[in-house]
Protein backbone atom coordinates (compact mmCIF):
# COMPACT_ATOMS: atom_id res chain seq x y z
CA MET A 1 -21.35 37.11 67.99
CA LEU A 2 -24.51 35.33 69.52
CA ASN A 3 -26.19 32.91 67.28
CA GLN A 4 -28.82 31.75 69.68
CA PHE A 5 -30.16 32.92 72.79
CA ILE A 6 -31.75 30.77 75.20
CA GLU A 7 -35.36 31.84 76.27
CA THR A 8 -35.99 31.65 79.99
CA GLU A 9 -38.73 29.39 80.56
CA GLY A 10 -41.56 31.01 82.77
CA PRO A 11 -45.12 30.37 83.46
CA VAL A 12 -47.83 31.34 80.91
CA PRO A 13 -50.90 32.58 82.54
CA VAL A 14 -54.23 30.81 80.77
CA TYR A 15 -56.66 33.52 79.41
CA ASP A 16 -59.28 31.26 78.75
CA THR A 17 -60.67 28.06 78.03
CA CYS A 18 -63.22 26.54 75.21
CA ASP A 19 -64.69 23.99 73.20
CA ILE A 20 -63.01 24.77 69.99
CA LEU A 21 -60.16 27.61 69.27
CA VAL A 22 -59.83 28.76 65.95
CA VAL A 23 -56.60 30.67 65.10
CA GLY A 24 -56.69 33.14 62.05
CA GLY A 25 -60.00 34.90 61.07
CA GLY A 26 -59.64 34.58 57.43
CA ALA A 27 -62.19 33.15 55.20
CA ALA A 28 -61.25 29.65 56.52
CA GLY A 29 -61.42 30.66 60.08
CA HIS A 30 -64.19 32.86 60.30
CA SER A 31 -66.26 30.17 58.63
CA ALA A 32 -64.99 27.62 60.95
CA ALA A 33 -66.12 29.89 63.90
CA VAL A 34 -69.60 30.61 62.40
CA ALA A 35 -70.25 26.93 61.28
CA ALA A 36 -69.24 25.32 64.41
CA VAL A 37 -71.87 27.24 66.60
CA ARG A 38 -74.47 26.94 64.04
CA ALA A 39 -73.48 23.15 64.12
CA GLY A 40 -74.08 23.46 68.35
CA ALA A 41 -70.70 24.54 69.51
CA LYS A 42 -71.08 26.30 72.84
CA LYS A 43 -68.03 27.85 73.22
CA VAL A 44 -65.58 29.15 70.17
CA ILE A 45 -62.68 31.54 70.43
CA LEU A 46 -61.69 33.51 67.42
CA MET A 47 -58.11 34.51 67.53
CA GLU A 48 -56.96 37.11 64.63
CA ARG A 49 -53.76 38.84 64.38
CA TYR A 50 -55.41 42.15 62.77
CA GLY A 51 -58.27 44.05 63.91
CA TYR A 52 -60.64 42.84 61.31
CA MET A 53 -61.78 39.28 59.96
CA GLY A 54 -61.58 38.03 56.28
CA GLY A 55 -57.74 37.60 55.90
CA ASP A 56 -56.74 38.21 51.94
CA ALA A 57 -60.34 38.50 51.35
CA THR A 58 -60.75 42.09 53.18
CA GLY A 59 -57.27 42.76 54.03
CA GLY A 60 -55.24 41.69 51.14
CA TYR A 61 -57.88 43.08 48.81
CA VAL A 62 -58.21 39.89 46.69
CA ILE A 63 -61.86 41.45 46.12
CA MET A 64 -62.96 38.72 43.29
CA VAL A 65 -64.35 35.20 44.14
CA PRO A 66 -64.45 33.19 41.07
CA ASN A 67 -66.16 30.35 39.68
CA LEU A 68 -68.71 29.43 42.29
CA SER A 69 -70.95 28.01 39.64
CA TRP A 70 -70.65 25.30 36.44
CA TYR A 71 -73.25 25.46 33.73
CA ASP A 72 -76.21 26.29 35.36
CA LYS A 73 -75.70 24.98 38.84
CA SER A 74 -73.89 26.95 41.86
CA PHE A 75 -71.78 24.55 43.48
CA VAL A 76 -70.00 26.62 45.96
CA ARG A 77 -72.54 27.55 48.47
CA GLY A 78 -72.75 27.49 52.06
CA LEU A 79 -71.14 30.35 53.98
CA GLN A 80 -69.81 31.42 50.68
CA GLU A 81 -72.82 32.32 49.10
CA GLU A 82 -73.90 33.64 52.40
CA TRP A 83 -71.52 36.58 51.99
CA PHE A 84 -73.00 37.75 48.88
CA THR A 85 -76.62 37.15 49.69
CA ARG A 86 -76.18 39.65 52.47
CA LEU A 87 -73.95 42.14 50.79
CA LYS A 88 -76.45 42.22 47.88
CA ASN A 89 -78.65 44.37 50.25
CA ILE A 90 -76.09 46.90 50.30
CA PRO A 91 -75.87 49.42 47.21
CA GLY A 92 -72.87 49.00 45.27
CA ALA A 93 -71.16 46.40 47.40
CA VAL A 94 -71.22 43.43 44.92
CA LEU A 95 -70.78 42.91 41.37
CA GLY A 96 -71.33 39.59 39.21
CA PRO A 97 -73.74 37.52 37.51
CA ASP A 98 -76.93 36.51 39.59
CA LEU A 99 -77.61 33.14 40.65
CA SER A 100 -80.90 33.44 38.38
CA GLU A 101 -78.36 34.06 35.23
CA ILE A 102 -75.66 31.46 35.68
CA GLY A 103 -75.32 28.79 32.98
CA SER A 104 -76.95 31.31 30.09
CA THR A 105 -75.44 31.28 27.05
CA GLU A 106 -77.35 34.25 25.36
CA LYS A 107 -74.63 36.35 23.71
CA ILE A 108 -76.19 39.68 24.72
CA PHE A 109 -75.71 38.47 28.59
CA VAL A 110 -72.24 36.76 27.95
CA ASN A 111 -70.86 39.71 26.15
CA ARG A 112 -72.25 42.19 28.80
CA TRP A 113 -70.10 40.28 31.24
CA LYS A 114 -67.11 39.42 29.04
CA GLY A 115 -65.24 42.55 30.35
CA ILE A 116 -65.47 41.34 33.91
CA HIS A 117 -62.69 38.76 34.65
CA ASP A 118 -63.94 35.28 34.97
CA CYS A 119 -67.92 36.32 35.18
CA ALA A 120 -67.95 34.36 31.57
CA SER A 121 -66.64 30.85 31.24
CA ARG A 122 -63.71 30.21 29.29
CA ALA A 123 -64.98 28.53 26.09
CA GLY A 124 -62.65 27.26 23.35
CA PHE A 125 -59.78 26.27 25.86
CA ASN A 126 -58.83 23.20 25.09
CA GLY A 127 -62.39 21.59 23.76
CA CYS A 128 -64.17 23.41 26.37
CA LYS A 129 -68.08 23.95 25.60
CA GLU A 130 -69.96 27.06 24.74
CA GLN A 131 -69.45 29.93 26.72
CA CYS A 132 -71.89 30.78 29.71
CA LEU A 133 -72.10 33.17 32.49
CA VAL A 134 -70.56 32.08 35.88
CA ARG A 135 -71.25 33.05 39.27
CA SER A 136 -68.11 35.19 39.91
CA VAL A 137 -68.50 37.81 42.34
CA TYR A 138 -66.78 41.22 42.75
CA PHE A 139 -66.99 43.14 46.06
CA GLU A 140 -66.10 46.06 48.33
CA PRO A 141 -63.75 44.46 50.91
CA ASN A 142 -64.80 46.96 53.50
CA GLN A 143 -68.16 46.31 53.25
CA LEU A 144 -67.44 42.59 53.74
CA LYS A 145 -65.54 43.22 56.85
CA ILE A 146 -68.59 44.81 58.45
CA GLU A 147 -70.58 41.80 57.24
CA MET A 148 -68.42 39.40 58.74
CA ASP A 149 -68.53 41.08 62.00
CA LYS A 150 -72.05 40.96 62.01
CA MET A 151 -72.04 37.15 61.34
CA LEU A 152 -69.99 37.00 64.41
CA LEU A 153 -72.01 39.33 66.55
CA GLU A 154 -75.13 37.34 65.88
CA HIS A 155 -73.68 34.73 67.75
CA LYS A 156 -71.79 36.61 70.50
CA GLU A 157 -73.14 34.35 73.30
CA ASN A 158 -71.10 31.33 71.62
CA ILE A 159 -68.24 33.08 70.09
CA LYS A 160 -65.51 35.13 71.82
CA VAL A 161 -63.30 37.25 69.37
CA LEU A 162 -59.94 38.05 70.29
CA CYS A 163 -58.53 40.78 67.56
CA HIS A 164 -54.59 41.68 67.89
CA SER A 165 -53.91 38.54 69.00
CA TRP A 166 -51.15 36.02 67.38
CA GLY A 167 -51.35 32.49 67.77
CA VAL A 168 -47.28 31.61 68.04
CA LYS A 169 -47.05 28.19 69.66
CA PRO A 170 -49.02 25.00 70.17
CA ILE A 171 -49.41 23.54 73.36
CA MET A 172 -48.53 19.89 73.04
CA ASP A 173 -49.38 16.47 75.39
CA GLY A 174 -47.56 14.26 73.65
CA ASP A 175 -49.13 14.12 69.96
CA ALA A 176 -52.44 15.82 71.26
CA VAL A 177 -52.90 19.80 71.09
CA LYS A 178 -54.30 20.87 74.24
CA GLY A 179 -54.40 24.88 73.27
CA VAL A 180 -52.16 27.66 71.98
CA ILE A 181 -50.02 30.13 73.43
CA PHE A 182 -50.46 33.43 71.97
CA GLU A 183 -49.19 37.11 72.07
CA SER A 184 -50.88 40.27 72.44
CA LYS A 185 -50.28 44.11 73.89
CA GLU A 186 -51.15 41.92 77.16
CA GLY A 187 -48.18 39.75 76.77
CA ARG A 188 -47.96 36.18 76.32
CA GLN A 189 -50.73 34.07 77.31
CA ALA A 190 -52.61 30.85 76.67
CA VAL A 191 -56.02 29.48 75.78
CA LEU A 192 -56.77 25.89 76.26
CA ALA A 193 -59.03 24.05 73.92
CA GLN A 194 -60.38 20.67 72.97
CA VAL A 195 -60.23 21.27 69.20
CA VAL A 196 -57.51 23.68 67.96
CA ILE A 197 -58.14 24.67 64.23
CA ASP A 198 -55.19 26.22 62.54
CA ALA A 199 -56.64 28.42 60.07
CA THR A 200 -53.41 30.49 59.68
CA GLY A 201 -53.00 29.95 55.91
CA ASP A 202 -49.21 29.56 56.49
CA GLY A 203 -49.47 26.67 58.86
CA ASP A 204 -47.98 28.62 61.65
CA LEU A 205 -49.48 26.11 64.31
CA PHE A 206 -49.08 22.58 62.61
CA TYR A 207 -45.64 23.05 61.28
CA GLN A 208 -44.57 23.25 65.03
CA THR A 209 -46.41 20.19 66.08
CA GLY A 210 -44.50 17.22 64.28
CA ALA A 211 -47.02 17.15 61.83
CA PRO A 212 -45.52 16.52 58.10
CA TYR A 213 -45.67 19.55 55.72
CA GLU A 214 -44.09 20.89 52.68
CA LYS A 215 -42.84 24.15 51.80
CA LEU A 216 -43.27 26.56 48.45
CA THR A 217 -44.65 24.93 45.30
CA ASP A 218 -43.30 24.92 41.97
CA GLU A 219 -41.59 28.54 41.26
CA GLY A 220 -43.51 28.62 38.03
CA CYS A 221 -46.89 28.01 39.77
CA ARG A 222 -49.37 30.91 40.66
CA SER A 223 -49.17 30.07 44.63
CA SER A 224 -45.34 30.63 44.61
CA ALA A 225 -45.83 34.30 44.43
CA THR A 226 -46.35 37.18 46.96
CA ALA A 227 -48.37 40.20 46.41
CA LEU A 228 -49.43 43.83 47.63
CA VAL A 229 -52.70 44.95 45.97
CA TRP A 230 -53.70 48.24 45.74
CA ARG A 231 -56.33 50.20 44.11
CA ILE A 232 -56.69 52.86 41.32
CA GLY A 233 -59.76 55.47 41.44
CA GLY A 234 -61.05 58.10 39.22
CA ILE A 235 -61.08 55.59 36.01
CA ASP A 236 -63.56 54.31 33.38
CA TRP A 237 -63.31 50.38 33.43
CA ASN A 238 -65.76 50.03 30.60
CA ALA A 239 -63.78 52.50 28.51
CA TYR A 240 -60.66 50.63 29.28
CA THR A 241 -62.04 47.05 28.29
CA GLN A 242 -63.64 48.83 24.89
CA TRP A 243 -60.10 50.23 24.15
CA LEU A 244 -58.84 46.78 24.58
CA ASN A 245 -60.95 45.28 22.31
CA THR A 246 -60.76 47.88 19.64
CA THR A 247 -57.17 48.50 19.68
CA PRO A 248 -54.80 45.93 17.83
CA GLY A 249 -51.95 44.76 19.97
CA ALA A 250 -53.26 46.74 23.33
CA PHE A 251 -53.01 43.88 25.60
CA GLY A 252 -49.70 43.08 24.78
CA MET A 253 -48.66 46.54 25.10
CA ILE A 254 -50.00 46.86 28.73
CA VAL A 255 -48.36 43.71 29.70
CA GLN A 256 -45.00 44.60 28.25
CA GLY A 257 -45.28 48.14 29.48
CA LEU A 258 -46.20 47.31 32.90
CA GLN A 259 -43.38 44.79 33.23
CA LYS A 260 -41.12 47.47 32.29
CA VAL A 261 -42.23 50.12 34.54
CA ALA A 262 -42.91 47.92 37.50
CA GLY A 263 -40.01 45.68 37.29
CA TYR A 264 -42.61 42.60 38.10
CA LYS A 265 -45.60 41.16 36.90
CA THR A 266 -48.82 43.25 37.69
CA MET A 267 -52.03 43.60 36.10
CA PRO A 268 -55.45 45.93 36.55
CA LEU A 269 -58.61 43.90 37.38
CA PRO A 270 -62.02 45.11 37.57
CA SER A 271 -63.89 45.85 40.86
CA ASN A 272 -67.43 46.27 42.25
CA GLN A 273 -67.32 49.70 40.95
CA ASN A 274 -66.89 50.85 37.20
CA ASP A 275 -64.75 53.87 38.40
CA ILE A 276 -62.10 51.43 40.71
CA CYS A 277 -59.86 48.91 39.78
CA TRP A 278 -57.40 46.67 41.78
CA MET A 279 -53.74 45.90 40.88
CA ASN A 280 -53.00 42.24 41.42
CA ASN A 281 -49.19 41.43 41.22
CA TRP A 282 -46.92 38.32 41.43
CA PHE A 283 -43.52 38.06 42.90
CA TYR A 284 -42.60 34.67 42.17
CA GLY A 285 -40.37 32.56 44.11
CA ARG A 286 -41.12 34.33 47.20
CA ASP A 287 -42.37 32.78 50.35
CA CYS A 288 -45.08 34.46 52.54
CA SER A 289 -43.74 33.08 55.60
CA ASN A 290 -40.08 34.16 55.08
CA ILE A 291 -39.84 37.89 56.33
CA ASN A 292 -37.19 39.13 53.81
CA ASP A 293 -39.43 38.09 50.85
CA ILE A 294 -42.62 39.65 52.38
CA THR A 295 -41.04 42.96 53.36
CA GLN A 296 -39.29 43.19 49.66
CA THR A 297 -42.72 42.69 48.47
CA GLU A 298 -44.00 45.47 50.51
CA LEU A 299 -41.39 47.81 49.51
CA GLU A 300 -41.17 47.10 45.87
CA VAL A 301 -44.69 47.43 45.18
CA ARG A 302 -45.14 50.72 47.10
CA ASP A 303 -42.43 51.80 45.04
CA SER A 304 -43.67 51.52 41.90
CA ILE A 305 -47.10 52.56 42.41
CA ARG A 306 -46.87 56.51 41.35
CA ASP A 307 -44.99 55.29 38.25
CA ILE A 308 -47.62 52.79 37.20
CA ILE A 309 -50.32 55.01 37.87
CA GLU A 310 -48.58 57.52 35.28
CA PHE A 311 -47.89 54.93 33.08
CA PHE A 312 -51.99 54.30 32.65
CA ARG A 313 -52.47 57.97 32.31
CA GLU A 314 -50.31 58.31 29.59
CA THR A 315 -51.19 55.24 27.78
CA VAL A 316 -55.06 54.87 27.99
CA PRO A 317 -56.21 58.42 28.68
CA ILE A 318 -59.50 57.60 27.62
CA ALA A 319 -59.99 55.48 30.74
CA PHE A 320 -57.22 56.69 33.33
CA SER A 321 -56.46 60.35 32.60
CA HIS A 322 -58.05 61.26 36.17
CA ALA A 323 -56.52 58.42 37.61
CA PHE A 324 -55.43 58.41 41.42
CA LEU A 325 -54.16 56.18 44.21
CA TYR A 326 -57.08 55.07 45.84
CA ASP A 327 -55.70 52.64 48.69
CA ILE A 328 -53.33 50.13 49.35
CA ALA A 329 -54.13 46.84 50.80
CA PRO A 330 -53.48 46.88 54.75
CA GLN A 331 -51.79 43.49 54.54
CA LEU A 332 -49.82 41.37 52.24
CA GLY A 333 -51.38 39.19 49.72
CA ALA A 334 -50.31 35.58 50.72
CA ARG A 335 -50.72 32.65 48.32
CA CYS A 336 -48.40 29.73 49.47
CA SER A 337 -46.00 28.84 52.06
CA ARG A 338 -46.26 25.87 54.28
CA ARG A 339 -48.44 23.32 52.99
CA LEU A 340 -49.93 20.39 55.04
CA ILE A 341 -49.31 16.59 54.15
CA GLY A 342 -52.48 15.49 55.50
CA GLU A 343 -54.05 11.97 55.68
CA TYR A 344 -54.66 12.72 52.03
CA VAL A 345 -53.02 14.80 49.29
CA MET A 346 -54.92 15.83 46.25
CA SER A 347 -53.05 15.84 42.99
CA ILE A 348 -53.78 16.49 39.21
CA ARG A 349 -55.20 12.88 39.00
CA ASP A 350 -58.11 13.83 41.19
CA PHE A 351 -58.97 16.69 38.58
CA ALA A 352 -58.30 14.60 35.45
CA THR A 353 -60.54 11.48 36.78
CA ALA A 354 -63.29 12.73 38.88
CA SER A 355 -62.05 11.08 42.17
CA LYS A 356 -64.90 10.04 44.70
CA PHE A 357 -64.35 10.39 48.36
CA ASP A 358 -66.66 8.79 51.36
CA ASP A 359 -65.25 11.51 53.38
CA VAL A 360 -66.01 14.61 50.68
CA ILE A 361 -66.67 17.86 52.77
CA ALA A 362 -66.80 20.14 49.59
CA TRP A 363 -67.76 19.57 45.97
CA HIS A 364 -66.54 22.59 44.45
CA SER A 365 -66.16 24.14 40.91
CA THR A 366 -62.46 25.66 40.92
CA ILE A 367 -60.21 27.44 38.42
CA CYS A 368 -58.89 24.26 36.97
CA GLN A 369 -58.59 24.00 33.18
CA ILE A 370 -58.12 20.22 33.22
CA ASN A 371 -61.83 19.57 33.91
CA ASP A 372 -63.10 22.97 32.45
CA CYS A 373 -63.32 23.95 36.09
CA GLY A 374 -65.83 21.54 36.81
CA PRO A 375 -66.69 20.56 40.57
CA VAL A 376 -63.96 18.23 42.31
CA GLU A 377 -64.47 16.61 45.69
CA ILE A 378 -62.30 17.65 48.72
CA PRO A 379 -62.11 15.06 51.38
CA TYR A 380 -62.01 15.64 55.13
CA ARG A 381 -58.66 13.88 55.36
CA CYS A 382 -57.09 17.20 53.26
CA ILE A 383 -57.56 19.08 56.53
CA LEU A 384 -56.52 16.21 59.01
CA PRO A 385 -53.04 16.37 59.83
CA GLN A 386 -50.56 13.17 60.09
CA LYS A 387 -49.38 12.32 63.72
CA VAL A 388 -51.44 15.03 65.60
CA GLU A 389 -54.49 14.62 67.53
CA ASN A 390 -57.03 17.67 68.36
CA MET A 391 -56.43 19.48 65.02
CA LEU A 392 -57.87 20.44 61.86
CA CYS A 393 -55.80 22.47 59.30
CA PRO A 394 -58.27 24.24 56.66
CA GLY A 395 -57.72 26.99 54.41
CA ARG A 396 -54.82 27.67 52.05
CA HIS A 397 -52.42 25.57 53.56
CA LEU A 398 -54.59 22.55 52.97
CA SER A 399 -53.23 19.02 51.75
CA ALA A 400 -52.56 19.36 48.19
CA ASP A 401 -49.31 18.64 45.91
CA THR A 402 -47.38 21.46 44.21
CA ALA A 403 -49.65 21.53 41.29
CA ALA A 404 -53.31 20.97 42.71
CA ILE A 405 -52.69 23.63 45.22
CA ASP A 406 -53.03 26.14 42.49
CA TRP A 407 -56.66 25.53 42.34
CA LEU A 408 -57.52 24.73 45.69
CA ASN A 409 -56.08 27.50 47.94
CA LEU A 410 -58.68 30.35 46.50
CA ILE A 411 -60.99 32.06 48.72
CA PRO A 412 -64.04 29.44 48.05
CA GLN A 413 -61.94 26.67 49.23
CA CYS A 414 -60.88 28.31 51.86
CA VAL A 415 -64.66 29.15 53.10
CA GLY A 416 -65.47 25.41 52.27
CA THR A 417 -62.84 23.70 54.04
CA GLY A 418 -63.25 26.01 56.99
CA GLN A 419 -67.09 25.67 57.36
CA ALA A 420 -66.53 21.69 57.31
CA ALA A 421 -63.60 22.01 59.82
CA GLY A 422 -66.03 24.14 62.08
CA VAL A 423 -69.01 21.63 61.78
CA ALA A 424 -66.68 18.78 62.44
CA ALA A 425 -64.99 20.11 65.28
CA ALA A 426 -68.35 20.98 66.63
CA VAL A 427 -69.65 17.25 66.20
CA ALA A 428 -66.34 15.83 67.80
CA VAL A 429 -66.95 18.00 71.14
CA GLN A 430 -70.68 17.07 71.16
CA ASP A 431 -69.94 13.21 70.73
CA GLY A 432 -66.61 13.08 73.16
CA VAL A 433 -64.69 11.68 70.29
CA SER A 434 -61.33 13.12 68.32
CA VAL A 435 -61.52 14.71 65.32
CA ARG A 436 -60.14 11.82 63.91
CA ARG A 437 -62.76 9.60 64.52
CA VAL A 438 -65.63 11.93 64.34
CA ASP A 439 -68.76 10.78 62.47
CA ILE A 440 -68.05 12.02 59.11
CA LYS A 441 -71.48 10.85 57.90
CA LYS A 442 -73.12 13.41 60.98
CA VAL A 443 -70.79 15.90 59.56
CA GLN A 444 -71.86 15.73 55.89
CA ASP A 445 -75.57 16.02 56.76
CA ILE A 446 -75.21 19.54 59.11
CA LEU A 447 -73.17 20.43 55.97
CA VAL A 448 -76.04 19.80 53.77
CA ASP A 449 -78.13 21.60 56.56
CA GLN A 450 -75.98 24.64 56.09
CA ASP A 451 -76.65 24.76 52.29
CA VAL A 452 -73.15 22.97 51.33
CA PRO A 453 -73.78 20.80 48.08
CA LEU A 454 -72.34 17.19 48.52
CA PRO A 455 -72.28 14.60 46.10
CA ARG A 456 -74.33 11.09 47.13
CA ASN A 457 -75.59 12.34 50.21
CA GLU A 458 -79.14 11.34 50.56
CA LYS A 459 -80.21 14.65 52.12
CA PHE A 460 -78.83 16.75 49.33
CA SER A 461 -79.79 14.21 46.60
CA ALA A 462 -83.62 14.27 47.58
CA LYS A 463 -83.66 18.19 47.43
CA ALA A 464 -81.59 18.61 44.37
CA PRO A 465 -81.15 15.52 42.09
CA ASP A 466 -80.12 17.67 39.04
CA TYR A 467 -76.69 18.52 40.32
CA GLN A 468 -75.69 14.59 39.83
CA LYS A 469 -77.43 14.69 36.66
CA THR A 470 -75.63 17.82 35.65
CA VAL A 471 -71.91 16.69 36.01
CA GLU A 472 -72.92 13.29 34.33
CA GLU A 473 -74.22 14.83 31.43
CA HIS A 474 -71.26 17.18 31.08
CA GLU A 475 -68.94 14.18 31.76
CA TYR A 476 -67.20 15.86 34.83
CA GLY A 477 -65.88 18.13 32.45
CA LEU A 478 -63.35 15.73 31.55
CA TYR A 479 -63.75 16.52 27.64
CA THR A 480 -60.68 18.60 27.73
CA ASP A 481 -57.64 18.03 25.83
CA LEU A 482 -55.78 18.02 28.96
CA ALA A 483 -57.78 15.49 30.84
CA LYS A 484 -57.56 13.16 27.48
CA GLU A 485 -53.89 13.82 27.52
CA TYR A 486 -53.47 12.74 31.22
CA ILE A 487 -55.55 9.71 30.61
CA GLU A 488 -53.85 8.77 27.42
CA LYS A 489 -50.26 8.91 29.33
CA GLU A 490 -51.42 7.64 32.40
CA GLY A 491 -50.63 10.11 34.65
CA SER A 492 -47.44 11.14 33.24
CA ILE A 493 -47.76 14.51 32.22
CA ASP A 494 -44.39 16.36 33.06
CA SER A 495 -45.68 19.47 35.01
CA TYR A 496 -48.63 21.76 35.24
CA ARG A 497 -46.31 24.52 34.10
CA GLN A 498 -46.06 22.80 30.57
CA TRP A 499 -49.76 23.01 30.54
């Protein structure tokens, strides 16, 4: 039996050339393309394997973007906030505390949002301070698909979109990336570019360039799990949360019952509509770049859907008596597979000590309890691969260790690092330098112009001096027991799982 087939080499036609080629139209790639042309790029090609943009956000039905604010400041802005500013004009498209409400500790407002996961801060956890409203937004994925298209069409003179096109192989000249071979209904073709942005999420390109990378995270972490999200319609989420709050042992009964019925960890989460919820799930120890793992995830989830709906109908009839299958996400929910080992690798230390970086490209509040979800600086070097030229790697495969990746591969960080990659690529092309030698100060100034908060940046500090004051007054969030434990043990905490 043959275990290897030698492919006959032959010429690959060049489909097109461009300044910047972005492979992957998810949160990172879409943001990179839009940010690049807004920063002055003349010709960008955005290549996407599906027929729509957004990746996990629109196709994987990860329909909630968490922790965009900390206390009364919105730290995750730029293109991420633009999504919701635009969707706000569409009736029912978004749900979450408004920017004018964030930081409020008024009980009447906090209690209103408590039933909507992560819209109120997690007060009381390891010394965290008073509970307040958080800018966490639930959205309708199909409306976001439309809006992301509109953002591209606004720049149609400079962005060429290739849907149903799968980037499969980098074109190398020594250590330099010169383009990408892709496959489509038209066959195997090539796009040549001055800069290639690998925004595939799984490092589909950078792992073939010789750039160092790692595989799965610790099996106990959130990132080491695949998922297939689906939605239930005909429910009453408000009634469900009231039942949870007034029925002793209700939450435990749901957790145990779902585990027994489904055979894997799964939980309902709210959506932008009271009559629809989405079912998230976690298949631990599975790699979303392994075809057997992702195939089994798809089959097992769909096989359990009818039983789960019936479980809810019988267990919580007050909220689920009329429940029905609304839809199933068109693509797998991917968390982690390959991770870049970039010029800098983020770690627990960066969250527990408020690390500061001269090449900071995002200053994000996250879901990390070590610093009470406070803002952390993400450096440019986290998306810059070692040993490879002309490539940037933003998104959920950015350079972070087995624990820190859990807090850095969510949608906001994909958007933020993608936006920075697009700006950096545009500046590099305009200045005639490699992305490794780009003028980071120029990149940072343009990001601030694109509504991205950055610490110690003169332009941002001039218009928003209270941001730095906020993080200092609240000790960078390092009042938690976890942060104190890290410092006391000089970083010797055994593992994130134990926390």
